[in-house]
Amino acid sequence: MRVGLFGGSFDPPHLGHIMVAAYALSVGQFDEVWVLPCWHHAFGKEMEAFGHRVEMAQLAFGIFGGRVRVCEYERDFKTRHTVDLVQRLRETMPAPEYTLILGSDNQQETQRWHRWEELSRMLPILWVPRGSEADPSFFIAGVSSTQVRQAFRDGKPEVAQSLLPPAVFKHIQDNTLYQD
């Protein structure tokens, strides 16, 4: 079985994340994509509660049925870094053939990643074209969770709504998230 590992804070999951999953399923020829919300941010960023982020991810990625699963392995394994998570996945579930899914915008930040060289030797990486530096024939729009959170803080929920799956927007509104 081929599994794409798509990690992130998903704070909140937005339409760009949905497009990454669709791209990975199309181009990566994966049987499944596992969405892996981080338990603690590796760079110390504050995030919404893990439970809310998992629930929003389930709402966002539910459109893919069983081909995209939201997994809580970072919490279960108590890992903080991708390299440790991949190591634990390989120890506990060695059967799948894993590939890491990363946006091309991460290529400039890999030197900040914990044990990046080791991670890059552990498994293949599917680089998803993102943002204006990507191949102009195809790229995922440069939507960011930061933009979404800022729109809520600025009192512009209509801007945030345009960047979110409807069920995620409703969850945020119902739970008054990102309103501080």
C-alpha atoms as a PDB file:
ATOM      1  CA  MET A   1       0.000   0.000   0.000  1.00  0.00           C
ATOM      2  CA  ARG A   2       1.300   3.476  -0.907  1.00  0.00           C
ATOM      3  CA  VAL A   3       0.639   6.170   1.694  1.00  0.00           C
ATOM      4  CA  GLY A   4       1.287   9.892   1.383  1.00  0.00           C
ATOM      5  CA  LEU A   5       2.037  11.603   4.708  1.00  0.00           C
ATOM      6  CA  PHE A   6       0.647  15.143   4.792  1.00  0.00           C
ATOM      7  CA  GLY A   7       1.534  16.867   8.041  1.00  0.00           C
ATOM      8  CA  GLY A   8       0.885  20.377   9.254  1.00  0.00           C
ATOM      9  CA  SER A   9      -0.746  22.461  11.930  1.00  0.00           C
ATOM     10  CA  PHE A  10      -4.056  22.658   9.997  1.00  0.00           C
ATOM     11  CA  ASP A  11      -4.862  25.741  12.060  1.00  0.00           C
ATOM     12  CA  PRO A  12      -7.344  25.869  10.330  1.00  0.00           C
ATOM     13  CA  PRO A  13      -7.405  23.549   7.301  1.00  0.00           C
ATOM     14  CA  HIS A  14      -8.242  25.616   4.221  1.00  0.00           C
ATOM     15  CA  LEU A  15      -8.945  25.145   0.526  1.00  0.00           C
ATOM     16  CA  GLY A  16      -5.219  25.083  -0.261  1.00  0.00           C
ATOM     17  CA  HIS A  17      -4.861  21.995   1.961  1.00  0.00           C
ATOM     18  CA  ILE A  18      -7.748  20.336   0.104  1.00  0.00           C
ATOM     19  CA  MET A  19      -6.032  21.077  -3.204  1.00  0.00           C
ATOM     20  CA  VAL A  20      -2.760  19.560  -1.928  1.00  0.00           C
ATOM     21  CA  ALA A  21      -4.556  16.335  -0.973  1.00  0.00           C
ATOM     22  CA  ALA A  22      -6.285  16.194  -4.387  1.00  0.00           C
ATOM     23  CA  TYR A  23      -2.972  16.840  -6.158  1.00  0.00           C
ATOM     24  CA  ALA A  24      -1.201  14.170  -4.093  1.00  0.00           C
ATOM     25  CA  LEU A  25      -3.889  11.581  -4.840  1.00  0.00           C
ATOM     26  CA  SER A  26      -3.746  12.406  -8.557  1.00  0.00           C
ATOM     27  CA  VAL A  27      -0.015  12.674  -9.104  1.00  0.00           C
ATOM     28  CA  GLY A  28       1.410  10.597  -6.287  1.00  0.00           C
ATOM     29  CA  GLN A  29      -0.596   7.481  -7.102  1.00  0.00           C
ATOM     30  CA  PHE A  30      -1.249   6.889  -3.402  1.00  0.00           C
ATOM     31  CA  ASP A  31      -3.754   4.397  -2.088  1.00  0.00           C
ATOM     32  CA  GLU A  32      -4.305   6.770   0.832  1.00  0.00           C
ATOM     33  CA  VAL A  33      -3.167  10.151   2.094  1.00  0.00           C
ATOM     34  CA  TRP A  34      -2.803  10.441   5.861  1.00  0.00           C
ATOM     35  CA  VAL A  35      -3.370  13.942   7.204  1.00  0.00           C
ATOM     36  CA  LEU A  36      -1.254  14.360  10.334  1.00  0.00           C
ATOM     37  CA  PRO A  37      -2.083  17.419  12.460  1.00  0.00           C
ATOM     38  CA  CYS A  38       0.896  18.280  14.628  1.00  0.00           C
ATOM     39  CA  TRP A  39       0.547  17.808  18.371  1.00  0.00           C
ATOM     40  CA  HIS A  40       3.069  20.538  19.231  1.00  0.00           C
ATOM     41  CA  HIS A  41       4.465  22.903  16.621  1.00  0.00           C
ATOM     42  CA  ALA A  42       8.154  22.187  16.005  1.00  0.00           C
ATOM     43  CA  PHE A  43       8.931  25.929  15.863  1.00  0.00           C
ATOM     44  CA  GLY A  44       6.920  26.733  18.997  1.00  0.00           C
ATOM     45  CA  LYS A  45       3.989  28.496  17.310  1.00  0.00           C
ATOM     46  CA  GLU A  46       0.808  28.710  19.345  1.00  0.00           C
ATOM     47  CA  MET A  47      -2.085  26.774  17.839  1.00  0.00           C
ATOM     48  CA  GLU A  48      -5.756  26.165  18.459  1.00  0.00           C
ATOM     49  CA  ALA A  49      -6.489  23.115  20.640  1.00  0.00           C
ATOM     50  CA  PHE A  50      -5.528  19.806  19.029  1.00  0.00           C
ATOM     51  CA  GLY A  51      -9.091  18.462  19.270  1.00  0.00           C
ATOM     52  CA  HIS A  52     -10.504  21.393  17.301  1.00  0.00           C
ATOM     53  CA  ARG A  53      -7.808  21.082  14.642  1.00  0.00           C
ATOM     54  CA  VAL A  54      -8.440  17.342  14.252  1.00  0.00           C
ATOM     55  CA  GLU A  55     -12.204  17.874  14.018  1.00  0.00           C
ATOM     56  CA  MET A  56     -11.779  20.641  11.432  1.00  0.00           C
ATOM     57  CA  ALA A  57      -9.417  18.413   9.421  1.00  0.00           C
ATOM     58  CA  GLN A  58     -11.984  15.603   9.495  1.00  0.00           C
ATOM     59  CA  LEU A  59     -14.635  18.023   8.250  1.00  0.00           C
ATOM     60  CA  ALA A  60     -12.346  19.399   5.530  1.00  0.00           C
ATOM     61  CA  PHE A  61     -10.960  16.120   4.206  1.00  0.00           C
ATOM     62  CA  GLY A  62     -14.177  14.114   4.565  1.00  0.00           C
ATOM     63  CA  ILE A  63     -14.971  14.893   0.927  1.00  0.00           C
ATOM     64  CA  PHE A  64     -12.342  12.312  -0.098  1.00  0.00           C
ATOM     65  CA  GLY A  65     -13.998   9.427   1.718  1.00  0.00           C
ATOM     66  CA  GLY A  66     -11.577   6.714   2.843  1.00  0.00           C
ATOM     67  CA  ARG A  67      -8.757   7.830   0.539  1.00  0.00           C
ATOM     68  CA  VAL A  68      -7.784  10.649   2.913  1.00  0.00           C
ATOM     69  CA  ARG A  69      -7.650   9.838   6.625  1.00  0.00           C
ATOM     70  CA  VAL A  70      -7.006  12.216   9.486  1.00  0.00           C
ATOM     71  CA  CYS A  71      -4.626  10.479  11.903  1.00  0.00           C
ATOM     72  CA  GLU A  72      -3.650  11.499  15.422  1.00  0.00           C
ATOM     73  CA  TYR A  73      -0.270   9.749  15.411  1.00  0.00           C
ATOM     74  CA  GLU A  74       1.725  12.774  16.573  1.00  0.00           C
ATOM     75  CA  ARG A  75      -0.358  12.897  19.731  1.00  0.00           C
ATOM     76  CA  ASP A  76      -0.426   9.108  20.115  1.00  0.00           C
ATOM     77  CA  PHE A  77       3.346   8.767  19.657  1.00  0.00           C
ATOM     78  CA  LYS A  78       4.082  12.044  21.473  1.00  0.00           C
ATOM     79  CA  THR A  79       6.400  13.130  18.670  1.00  0.00           C
ATOM     80  CA  ARG A  80       7.300  16.719  17.883  1.00  0.00           C
ATOM     81  CA  HIS A  81       9.397  16.365  14.743  1.00  0.00           C
ATOM     82  CA  THR A  82       8.554  14.792  11.395  1.00  0.00           C
ATOM     83  CA  VAL A  83      11.646  12.607  11.411  1.00  0.00           C
ATOM     84  CA  ASP A  84      10.592  11.069  14.746  1.00  0.00           C
ATOM     85  CA  LEU A  85       7.028  10.537  13.537  1.00  0.00           C
ATOM     86  CA  VAL A  86       8.202   8.787  10.363  1.00  0.00           C
ATOM     87  CA  GLN A  87      10.544   6.611  12.422  1.00  0.00           C
ATOM     88  CA  ARG A  88       7.688   5.574  14.744  1.00  0.00           C
ATOM     89  CA  LEU A  89       5.334   4.902  11.827  1.00  0.00           C
ATOM     90  CA  ARG A  90       7.913   2.653  10.192  1.00  0.00           C
ATOM     91  CA  GLU A  91       8.485   0.788  13.467  1.00  0.00           C
ATOM     92  CA  THR A  92       4.788   0.248  14.250  1.00  0.00           C
ATOM     93  CA  MET A  93       3.388  -0.033  10.697  1.00  0.00           C
ATOM     94  CA  PRO A  94       6.215  -1.124   8.394  1.00  0.00           C
ATOM     95  CA  ALA A  95       3.974  -2.446   5.587  1.00  0.00           C
ATOM     96  CA  PRO A  96       2.976   0.801   3.834  1.00  0.00           C
ATOM     97  CA  GLU A  97       5.347   2.490   1.419  1.00  0.00           C
ATOM     98  CA  TYR A  98       5.470   6.041   2.803  1.00  0.00           C
ATOM     99  CA  THR A  99       6.087   9.279   0.904  1.00  0.00           C
ATOM    100  CA  LEU A 100       6.246  12.686   2.566  1.00  0.00           C
ATOM    101  CA  ILE A 101       4.045  15.368   0.970  1.00  0.00           C
ATOM    102  CA  LEU A 102       5.476  18.892   1.224  1.00  0.00           C
ATOM    103  CA  GLY A 103       4.669  22.198  -0.395  1.00  0.00           C
ATOM    104  CA  SER A 104       7.457  23.615  -2.548  1.00  0.00           C
ATOM    105  CA  ASP A 105       7.440  26.699  -0.290  1.00  0.00           C
ATOM    106  CA  ASN A 106       9.089  24.488   2.376  1.00  0.00           C
ATOM    107  CA  GLN A 107      12.217  23.976   0.278  1.00  0.00           C
ATOM    108  CA  GLN A 108      13.737  27.206   1.608  1.00  0.00           C
ATOM    109  CA  GLU A 109      13.042  26.165   5.216  1.00  0.00           C
ATOM    110  CA  THR A 110      14.444  22.645   5.275  1.00  0.00           C
ATOM    111  CA  GLN A 111      17.640  23.801   7.018  1.00  0.00           C
ATOM    112  CA  ARG A 112      15.428  24.709  10.029  1.00  0.00           C
ATOM    113  CA  TRP A 113      13.884  21.219  10.173  1.00  0.00           C
ATOM    114  CA  HIS A 114      15.096  18.867  12.879  1.00  0.00           C
ATOM    115  CA  ARG A 115      17.420  16.249  11.305  1.00  0.00           C
ATOM    116  CA  TRP A 116      16.333  17.186   7.770  1.00  0.00           C
ATOM    117  CA  GLU A 117      19.143  15.276   6.042  1.00  0.00           C
ATOM    118  CA  GLU A 118      18.193  12.074   7.850  1.00  0.00           C
ATOM    119  CA  LEU A 119      14.498  12.593   7.074  1.00  0.00           C
ATOM    120  CA  SER A 120      15.171  13.212   3.377  1.00  0.00           C
ATOM    121  CA  ARG A 121      17.054   9.883   3.200  1.00  0.00           C
ATOM    122  CA  MET A 122      14.302   7.962   5.027  1.00  0.00           C
ATOM    123  CA  LEU A 123      11.563   8.304   2.425  1.00  0.00           C
ATOM    124  CA  PRO A 124      10.745   9.908  -0.912  1.00  0.00           C
ATOM    125  CA  ILE A 125       9.248  13.401  -0.958  1.00  0.00           C
ATOM    126  CA  LEU A 126       6.459  14.617  -3.209  1.00  0.00           C
ATOM    127  CA  TRP A 127       7.038  18.362  -3.638  1.00  0.00           C
ATOM    128  CA  VAL A 128       3.703  20.038  -4.368  1.00  0.00           C
ATOM    129  CA  PRO A 129       4.043  23.245  -6.418  1.00  0.00           C
ATOM    130  CA  ARG A 130       2.845  26.170  -4.257  1.00  0.00           C
ATOM    131  CA  GLY A 131       2.822  29.915  -4.604  1.00  0.00           C
ATOM    132  CA  SER A 132       4.201  32.235  -7.245  1.00  0.00           C
ATOM    133  CA  GLU A 133       7.655  30.594  -7.403  1.00  0.00           C
ATOM    134  CA  ALA A 134       6.087  27.357  -8.660  1.00  0.00           C
ATOM    135  CA  ASP A 135       5.842  26.160 -12.239  1.00  0.00           C
ATOM    136  CA  PRO A 136       3.384  28.600 -13.873  1.00  0.00           C
ATOM    137  CA  SER A 137       1.633  25.720 -15.683  1.00  0.00           C
ATOM    138  CA  PHE A 138       0.322  24.402 -12.334  1.00  0.00           C
ATOM    139  CA  PHE A 139       0.562  25.418  -8.711  1.00  0.00           C
ATOM    140  CA  ILE A 140      -1.537  25.400  -5.560  1.00  0.00           C
ATOM    141  CA  ALA A 141      -2.748  28.879  -4.657  1.00  0.00           C
ATOM    142  CA  GLY A 142      -0.832  30.602  -1.895  1.00  0.00           C
ATOM    143  CA  VAL A 143      -3.617  30.392   0.697  1.00  0.00           C
ATOM    144  CA  SER A 144      -2.353  30.246   4.273  1.00  0.00           C
ATOM    145  CA  SER A 145      -3.903  29.498   7.644  1.00  0.00           C
ATOM    146  CA  THR A 146      -2.336  32.753   8.846  1.00  0.00           C
ATOM    147  CA  GLN A 147      -4.478  34.679   6.311  1.00  0.00           C
ATOM    148  CA  VAL A 148      -7.593  32.896   7.539  1.00  0.00           C
ATOM    149  CA  ARG A 149      -6.886  33.574  11.222  1.00  0.00           C
ATOM    150  CA  GLN A 150      -6.083  37.219  10.466  1.00  0.00           C
ATOM    151  CA  ALA A 151      -9.326  37.673   8.557  1.00  0.00           C
ATOM    152  CA  PHE A 152     -11.269  36.493  11.614  1.00  0.00           C
ATOM    153  CA  ARG A 153      -9.255  38.747  13.927  1.00  0.00           C
ATOM    154  CA  ASP A 154      -9.852  41.702  11.604  1.00  0.00           C
ATOM    155  CA  GLY A 155     -13.610  41.108  11.771  1.00  0.00           C
ATOM    156  CA  LYS A 156     -13.783  39.986   8.132  1.00  0.00           C
ATOM    157  CA  PRO A 157     -15.371  36.530   8.345  1.00  0.00           C
ATOM    158  CA  GLU A 158     -16.494  36.774   4.708  1.00  0.00           C
ATOM    159  CA  VAL A 159     -12.813  36.777   3.636  1.00  0.00           C
ATOM    160  CA  ALA A 160     -12.091  33.735   5.800  1.00  0.00           C
ATOM    161  CA  GLN A 161     -15.212  32.011   4.496  1.00  0.00           C
ATOM    162  CA  SER A 162     -13.940  32.303   0.918  1.00  0.00           C
ATOM    163  CA  LEU A 163     -10.792  30.359   1.889  1.00  0.00           C
ATOM    164  CA  LEU A 164     -12.406  27.557   3.910  1.00  0.00           C
ATOM    165  CA  PRO A 165     -14.537  24.489   3.292  1.00  0.00           C
ATOM    166  CA  PRO A 166     -18.079  25.361   4.478  1.00  0.00           C
ATOM    167  CA  ALA A 167     -18.090  22.796   7.320  1.00  0.00           C
ATOM    168  CA  VAL A 168     -14.805  24.182   8.683  1.00  0.00           C
ATOM    169  CA  PHE A 169     -16.147  27.736   8.569  1.00  0.00           C
ATOM    170  CA  LYS A 170     -19.262  26.603  10.461  1.00  0.00           C
ATOM    171  CA  HIS A 171     -17.143  24.812  13.105  1.00  0.00           C
ATOM    172  CA  ILE A 172     -15.075  27.960  13.616  1.00  0.00           C
ATOM    173  CA  GLN A 173     -18.195  30.133  13.913  1.00  0.00           C
ATOM    174  CA  ASP A 174     -20.010  27.678  16.210  1.00  0.00           C
ATOM    175  CA  ASN A 175     -16.990  27.467  18.540  1.00  0.00           C
ATOM    176  CA  THR A 176     -15.901  31.132  18.242  1.00  0.00           C
ATOM    177  CA  LEU A 177     -12.369  30.149  17.248  1.00  0.00           C
ATOM    178  CA  TYR A 178      -9.795  32.716  16.065  1.00  0.00           C
ATOM    179  CA  GLN A 179     -11.865  35.589  17.439  1.00  0.00           C
ATOM    180  CA  ASP A 180      -9.364  36.948  19.969  1.00  0.00           C
END
